[in-house]
PDB file of N, CA and C in Angstrom:
ATOM      1  N   UNK A   1     149.094 108.732  73.748  1.00  0.00           N
ATOM      2  CA  UNK A   1     149.971 107.702  74.275  1.00  0.00           C
ATOM      3  C   UNK A   1     149.898 107.667  75.798  1.00  0.00           C
ATOM      4  N   UNK A   2     149.684 108.789  76.368  1.00  0.00           N
ATOM      5  CA  UNK A   2     149.554 108.812  77.820  1.00  0.00           C
ATOM      6  C   UNK A   2     148.335 108.021  78.264  1.00  0.00           C
ATOM      7  N   UNK A   3     147.298 108.046  77.460  1.00  0.00           N
ATOM      8  CA  UNK A   3     146.076 107.338  77.817  1.00  0.00           C
ATOM      9  C   UNK A   3     146.321 105.839  77.955  1.00  0.00           C
ATOM     10  N   UNK A   4     147.132 105.288  77.091  1.00  0.00           N
ATOM     11  CA  UNK A   4     147.418 103.854  77.146  1.00  0.00           C
ATOM     12  C   UNK A   4     148.116 103.492  78.452  1.00  0.00           C
ATOM     13  N   UNK A   5     149.018 104.337  78.881  1.00  0.00           N
ATOM     14  CA  UNK A   5     149.743 104.060  80.127  1.00  0.00           C
ATOM     15  C   UNK A   5     148.778 104.046  81.306  1.00  0.00           C
ATOM     16  N   UNK A   6     147.821 104.961  81.300  1.00  0.00           N
ATOM     17  CA  UNK A   6     146.846 105.028  82.388  1.00  0.00           C
ATOM     18  C   UNK A   6     145.997 103.759  82.430  1.00  0.00           C
ATOM     19  N   UNK A   7     145.626 103.271  81.278  1.00  0.00           N
ATOM     20  CA  UNK A   7     144.805 102.063  81.218  1.00  0.00           C
ATOM     21  C   UNK A   7     145.547 100.862  81.807  1.00  0.00           C
ATOM     22  N   UNK A   8     146.828 100.786  81.526  1.00  0.00           N
ATOM     23  CA  UNK A   8     147.617  99.667  82.041  1.00  0.00           C
ATOM     24  C   UNK A   8     147.666  99.702  83.563  1.00  0.00           C
ATOM     25  N   UNK A   9     147.769 100.888  84.116  1.00  0.00           N
ATOM     26  CA  UNK A   9     147.812 101.016  85.573  1.00  0.00           C
ATOM     27  C   UNK A   9     146.498 100.537  86.182  1.00  0.00           C
ATOM     28  N   UNK A  10     145.408 100.864  85.538  1.00  0.00           N
ATOM     29  CA  UNK A  10     144.103 100.447  86.047  1.00  0.00           C
ATOM     30  C   UNK A  10     143.982  98.928  86.044  1.00  0.00           C
ATOM     31  N   UNK A  11     144.512  98.304  85.024  1.00  0.00           N
ATOM     32  CA  UNK A  11     144.442  96.844  84.934  1.00  0.00           C
ATOM     33  C   UNK A  11     145.199  96.199  86.092  1.00  0.00           C
ATOM     34  N   UNK A  12     146.322  96.797  86.459  1.00  0.00           N
ATOM     35  CA  UNK A  12     147.107  96.248  87.568  1.00  0.00           C
ATOM     36  C   UNK A  12     146.302  96.305  88.859  1.00  0.00           C
ATOM     37  N   UNK A  13     145.570  97.370  89.045  1.00  0.00           N
ATOM     38  CA  UNK A  13     144.749  97.508  90.251  1.00  0.00           C
ATOM     39  C   UNK A  13     143.678  96.429  90.289  1.00  0.00           C
ATOM     40  N   UNK A  14     143.104  96.144  89.147  1.00  0.00           N
ATOM     41  CA  UNK A  14     142.067  95.118  89.083  1.00  0.00           C
ATOM     42  C   UNK A  14     142.626  93.747  89.464  1.00  0.00           C
ATOM     43  N   UNK A  15     143.849  93.480  89.047  1.00  0.00           N
ATOM     44  CA  UNK A  15     144.467  92.194  89.366  1.00  0.00           C
ATOM     45  C   UNK A  15     144.635  92.044  90.874  1.00  0.00           C
ATOM     46  N   UNK A  16     144.987  93.125  91.537  1.00  0.00           N
ATOM     47  CA  UNK A  16     145.146  93.077  92.991  1.00  0.00           C
ATOM     48  C   UNK A  16     143.821  92.732  93.653  1.00  0.00           C
ATOM     49  N   UNK A  17     142.749  93.287  93.153  1.00  0.00           N
ATOM     50  CA  UNK A  17     141.434  93.010  93.720  1.00  0.00           C
ATOM     51  C   UNK A  17     141.084  91.533  93.571  1.00  0.00           C
ATOM     52  N   UNK A  18     141.439  90.950  92.448  1.00  0.00           N
ATOM     53  CA  UNK A  18     141.149  89.534  92.223  1.00  0.00           C
ATOM     54  C   UNK A  18     141.880  88.667  93.245  1.00  0.00           C
ATOM     55  N   UNK A  19     143.107  89.054  93.566  1.00  0.00           N
ATOM     56  CA  UNK A  19     143.875  88.286  94.546  1.00  0.00           C
ATOM     57  C   UNK A  19     143.186  88.319  95.900  1.00  0.00           C
ATOM     58  N   UNK A  20     142.646  89.453  96.257  1.00  0.00           N
ATOM     59  CA  UNK A  20     141.939  89.577  97.534  1.00  0.00           C
ATOM     60  C   UNK A  20     140.734  88.655  97.564  1.00  0.00           C
ATOM     61  N   UNK A  21     140.032  88.572  96.462  1.00  0.00           N
ATOM     62  CA  UNK A  21     138.853  87.714  96.400  1.00  0.00           C
ATOM     63  C   UNK A  21     139.237  86.249  96.599  1.00  0.00           C
ATOM     64  N   UNK A  22     140.370  85.859  96.031  1.00  0.00           N
ATOM     65  CA  UNK A  22     140.810  84.474  96.169  1.00  0.00           C
ATOM     66  C   UNK A  22     141.094  84.146  97.630  1.00  0.00           C
ATOM     67  N   UNK A  23     141.693  85.092  98.351  1.00  0.00           N
ATOM     68  CA  UNK A  23     141.987  84.870  99.765  1.00  0.00           C
ATOM     69  C   UNK A  23     140.701  84.670 100.548  1.00  0.00           C
ATOM     70  N   UNK A  24     139.695  85.453 100.224  1.00  0.00           N
ATOM     71  CA  UNK A  24     138.415  85.340 100.920  1.00  0.00           C
ATOM     72  C   UNK A  24     137.790  83.973 100.677  1.00  0.00           C
ATOM     73  N   UNK A  25     137.920  83.460  99.473  1.00  0.00           N
ATOM     74  CA  UNK A  25     137.343  82.158  99.151  1.00  0.00           C
ATOM     75  C   UNK A  25     137.984  81.055  99.994  1.00  0.00           C
ATOM     76  N   UNK A  26     139.292  81.170 100.221  1.00  0.00           N
ATOM     77  CA  UNK A  26     139.979  80.160 101.020  1.00  0.00           C
ATOM     78  C   UNK A  26     139.434  80.144 102.441  1.00  0.00           C
ATOM     79  N   UNK A  27     139.204  81.314 103.008  1.00  0.00           N
ATOM     80  CA  UNK A  27     138.660  81.404 104.366  1.00  0.00           C
ATOM     81  C   UNK A  27     137.280  80.778 104.438  1.00  0.00           C
ATOM     82  N   UNK A  28     136.481  81.022 103.418  1.00  0.00           N
ATOM     83  CA  UNK A  28     135.119  80.489 103.405  1.00  0.00           C
ATOM     84  C   UNK A  28     135.129  78.960 103.378  1.00  0.00           C
ATOM     85  N   UNK A  29     136.066  78.379 102.654  1.00  0.00           N
ATOM     86  CA  UNK A  29     136.127  76.922 102.550  1.00  0.00           C
ATOM     87  C   UNK A  29     136.398  76.293 103.911  1.00  0.00           C
ATOM     88  N   UNK A  30     137.199  76.941 104.722  1.00  0.00           N
ATOM     89  CA  UNK A  30     137.541  76.385 106.025  1.00  0.00           C
ATOM     90  C   UNK A  30     136.348  76.416 106.969  1.00  0.00           C
ATOM     91  N   UNK A  31     135.482  77.403 106.853  1.00  0.00           N
ATOM     92  CA  UNK A  31     134.370  77.587 107.774  1.00  0.00           C
ATOM     93  C   UNK A  31     133.045  77.064 107.232  1.00  0.00           C
ATOM     94  N   UNK A  32     133.050  76.461 106.085  1.00  0.00           N
ATOM     95  CA  UNK A  32     131.809  76.093 105.405  1.00  0.00           C
ATOM     96  C   UNK A  32     131.116  74.914 106.092  1.00  0.00           C
ATOM     97  N   UNK A  33     129.839  75.086 106.402  1.00  0.00           N
ATOM     98  CA  UNK A  33     129.025  74.029 106.996  1.00  0.00           C
ATOM     99  C   UNK A  33     127.773  73.883 106.155  1.00  0.00           C
ATOM    100  N   UNK A  34     127.423  72.662 105.838  1.00  0.00           N
ATOM    101  CA  UNK A  34     126.233  72.417 105.026  1.00  0.00           C
ATOM    102  C   UNK A  34     125.249  71.590 105.833  1.00  0.00           C
ATOM    103  N   UNK A  35     124.016  72.054 105.886  1.00  0.00           N
ATOM    104  CA  UNK A  35     122.950  71.321 106.562  1.00  0.00           C
ATOM    105  C   UNK A  35     121.851  71.077 105.549  1.00  0.00           C
ATOM    106  N   UNK A  36     121.396  69.834 105.479  1.00  0.00           N
ATOM    107  CA  UNK A  36     120.355  69.488 104.526  1.00  0.00           C
ATOM    108  C   UNK A  36     119.230  68.780 105.262  1.00  0.00           C
ATOM    109  N   UNK A  37     118.009  69.148 104.926  1.00  0.00           N
ATOM    110  CA  UNK A  37     116.846  68.527 105.553  1.00  0.00           C
ATOM    111  C   UNK A  37     115.782  68.301 104.492  1.00  0.00           C
ATOM    112  N   UNK A  38     115.165  67.125 104.528  1.00  0.00           N
ATOM    113  CA  UNK A  38     114.113  66.810 103.569  1.00  0.00           C
ATOM    114  C   UNK A  38     112.890  66.322 104.327  1.00  0.00           C
ATOM    115  N   UNK A  39     111.755  66.912 104.047  1.00  0.00           N
ATOM    116  CA  UNK A  39     110.498  66.493 104.656  1.00  0.00           C
ATOM    117  C   UNK A  39     109.523  66.173 103.537  1.00  0.00           C
ATOM    118  N   UNK A  40     108.940  64.979 103.598  1.00  0.00           N
ATOM    119  CA  UNK A  40     107.961  64.575 102.596  1.00  0.00           C
ATOM    120  C   UNK A  40     106.652  64.280 103.302  1.00  0.00           C
ATOM    121  N   UNK A  41     105.599  64.923 102.863  1.00  0.00           N
ATOM    122  CA  UNK A  41     104.270  64.691 103.424  1.00  0.00           C
ATOM    123  C   UNK A  41     103.350  64.263 102.297  1.00  0.00           C
ATOM    124  N   UNK A  42     102.681  63.123 102.491  1.00  0.00           N
ATOM    125  CA  UNK A  42     101.737  62.630 101.498  1.00  0.00           C
ATOM    126  C   UNK A  42     100.379  62.498 102.160  1.00  0.00           C
ATOM    127  N   UNK A  43      99.384  63.117 101.582  1.00  0.00           N
ATOM    128  CA  UNK A  43      98.020  63.031 102.099  1.00  0.00           C
ATOM    129  C   UNK A  43      97.123  62.505 100.989  1.00  0.00           C
ATOM    130  N   UNK A  44      96.389  61.437 101.300  1.00  0.00           N
ATOM    131  CA  UNK A  44      95.453  60.867 100.337  1.00  0.00           C
ATOM    132  C   UNK A  44      94.069  60.892 100.961  1.00  0.00           C
ATOM    133  N   UNK A  45      93.130  61.484 100.271  1.00  0.00           N
ATOM    134  CA  UNK A  45      91.752  61.537 100.747  1.00  0.00           C
ATOM    135  C   UNK A  45      90.865  60.896  99.693  1.00  0.00           C
ATOM    136  N   UNK A  46      90.068  59.917 100.126  1.00  0.00           N
ATOM    137  CA  UNK A  46      89.141  59.253  99.217  1.00  0.00           C
ATOM    138  C   UNK A  46      87.739  59.444  99.766  1.00  0.00           C
ATOM    139  N   UNK A  47      86.857  59.952  98.944  1.00  0.00           N
ATOM    140  CA  UNK A  47      85.466  60.147  99.340  1.00  0.00           C
ATOM    141  C   UNK A  47      84.582  59.376  98.370  1.00  0.00           C
ATOM    142  N   UNK A  48      83.720  58.531  98.928  1.00  0.00           N
ATOM    143  CA  UNK A  48      82.789  57.767  98.104  1.00  0.00           C
ATOM    144  C   UNK A  48      81.381  58.127  98.549  1.00  0.00           C
ATOM    145  N   UNK A  49      80.567  58.525  97.616  1.00  0.00           N
ATOM    146  CA  UNK A  49      79.174  58.862  97.910  1.00  0.00           C
ATOM    147  C   UNK A  49      78.284  57.946  97.082  1.00  0.00           C
ATOM    148  N   UNK A  50      77.365  57.277  97.768  1.00  0.00           N
ATOM    149  CA  UNK A  50      76.419  56.402  97.080  1.00  0.00           C
ATOM    150  C   UNK A  50      75.022  56.926  97.359  1.00  0.00           C
ATOM    151  N   UNK A  51      74.277  57.135  96.312  1.00  0.00           N
ATOM    152  CA  UNK A  51      72.888  57.590  96.451  1.00  0.00           C
ATOM    153  C   UNK A  51      71.980  56.540  95.822  1.00  0.00           C
ATOM    154  N   UNK A  52      70.998  56.122  96.596  1.00  0.00           N
ATOM    155  CA  UNK A  52      70.037  55.140  96.090  1.00  0.00           C
ATOM    156  C   UNK A  52      68.659  55.782  96.134  1.00  0.00           C
ATOM    157  N   UNK A  53      67.995  55.731  95.022  1.00  0.00           N
ATOM    158  CA  UNK A  53      66.632  56.265  94.950  1.00  0.00           C
ATOM    159  C   UNK A  53      65.700  55.111  94.588  1.00  0.00           C
ATOM    160  N   UNK A  54      64.663  54.967  95.392  1.00  0.00           N
ATOM    161  CA  UNK A  54      63.677  53.919  95.121  1.00  0.00           C
ATOM    162  C   UNK A  54      62.348  54.602  94.850  1.00  0.00           C
ATOM    163  N   UNK A  55      61.762  54.239  93.757  1.00  0.00           N
ATOM    164  CA  UNK A  55      60.449  54.782  93.406  1.00  0.00           C
ATOM    165  C   UNK A  55      59.467  53.617  93.338  1.00  0.00           C
ATOM    166  N   UNK A  56      58.362  53.783  94.050  1.00  0.00           N
ATOM    167  CA  UNK A  56      57.326  52.749  94.029  1.00  0.00           C
ATOM    168  C   UNK A  56      56.073  53.367  93.436  1.00  0.00           C
ATOM    169  N   UNK A  57      55.529  52.684  92.482  1.00  0.00           N
ATOM    170  CA  UNK A  57      54.290  53.145  91.864  1.00  0.00           C
ATOM    171  C   UNK A  57      53.219  52.081  92.109  1.00  0.00           C
ATOM    172  N   UNK A  58      52.103  52.548  92.599  1.00  0.00           N
ATOM    173  CA  UNK A  58      50.981  51.627  92.837  1.00  0.00           C
ATOM    174  C   UNK A  58      49.838  52.042  91.932  1.00  0.00           C
ATOM    175  N   UNK A  59      49.310  51.079  91.257  1.00  0.00           N
ATOM    176  CA  UNK A  59      48.168  51.337  90.382  1.00  0.00           C
ATOM    177  C   UNK A  59      46.987  50.509  90.899  1.00  0.00           C
ATOM    178  N   UNK A  60      45.890  51.198  91.062  1.00  0.00           N
ATOM    179  CA  UNK A  60      44.673  50.505  91.514  1.00  0.00           C
ATOM    180  C   UNK A  60      43.622  50.654  90.430  1.00  0.00           C
ATOM    181  N   UNK A  61      43.009  49.551  90.099  1.00  0.00           N
ATOM    182  CA  UNK A  61      41.945  49.573  89.102  1.00  0.00           C
ATOM    183  C   UNK A  61      40.658  49.110  89.790  1.00  0.00           C
ATOM    184  N   UNK A  62      39.651  49.890  89.600  1.00  0.00           N
ATOM    185  CA  UNK A  62      38.339  49.527  90.163  1.00  0.00           C
ATOM    186  C   UNK A  62      37.361  49.376  89.007  1.00  0.00           C
ATOM    187  N   UNK A  63      36.651  48.273  89.032  1.00  0.00           N
ATOM    188  CA  UNK A  63      35.616  48.037  88.022  1.00  0.00           C
ATOM    189  C   UNK A  63      34.255  48.198  88.700  1.00  0.00           C
ATOM    190  N   UNK A  64      33.454  48.980  88.119  1.00  0.00           N
ATOM    191  CA  UNK A  64      32.101  49.162  88.651  1.00  0.00           C
ATOM    192  C   UNK A  64      31.123  48.597  87.629  1.00  0.00           C
ATOM    193  N   UNK A  65      30.206  47.825  88.152  1.00  0.00           N
ATOM    194  CA  UNK A  65      29.200  47.222  87.287  1.00  0.00           C
ATOM    195  C   UNK A  65      27.892  47.978  87.508  1.00  0.00           C
ATOM    196  N   UNK A  66      27.353  48.496  86.488  1.00  0.00           N
ATOM    197  CA  UNK A  66      26.103  49.247  86.585  1.00  0.00           C
ATOM    198  C   UNK A  66      24.952  48.347  86.168  1.00  0.00           C
ATOM    199  N   UNK A  67      23.972  48.323  86.978  1.00  0.00           N
ATOM    200  CA  UNK A  67      22.815  47.483  86.664  1.00  0.00           C
ATOM    201  C   UNK A  67      21.580  48.358  86.592  1.00  0.00           C
TER     202      UNK A  67
END
C-alpha cells in the first residue's frame, strides 16, 4: 500500500513539469519570427548534331579493240 502512495507523489511532480513546459511555449510564441525564401532555377540545354556523309563513286570503263 505504501507503494501506491509513492506513485501518486511522482505523478504530481510530473504535472508540475508539464506546467513549466506550457510557460515556455508562451514565451516562444511572443518571440517567434518566420523567414521564408524560395529560389527556382531552370536550366535548359539543347544540343543538335547533324552529320552528313557524301560518298561519290566513279566508274570508268575502257574498251580496247585488238586488231
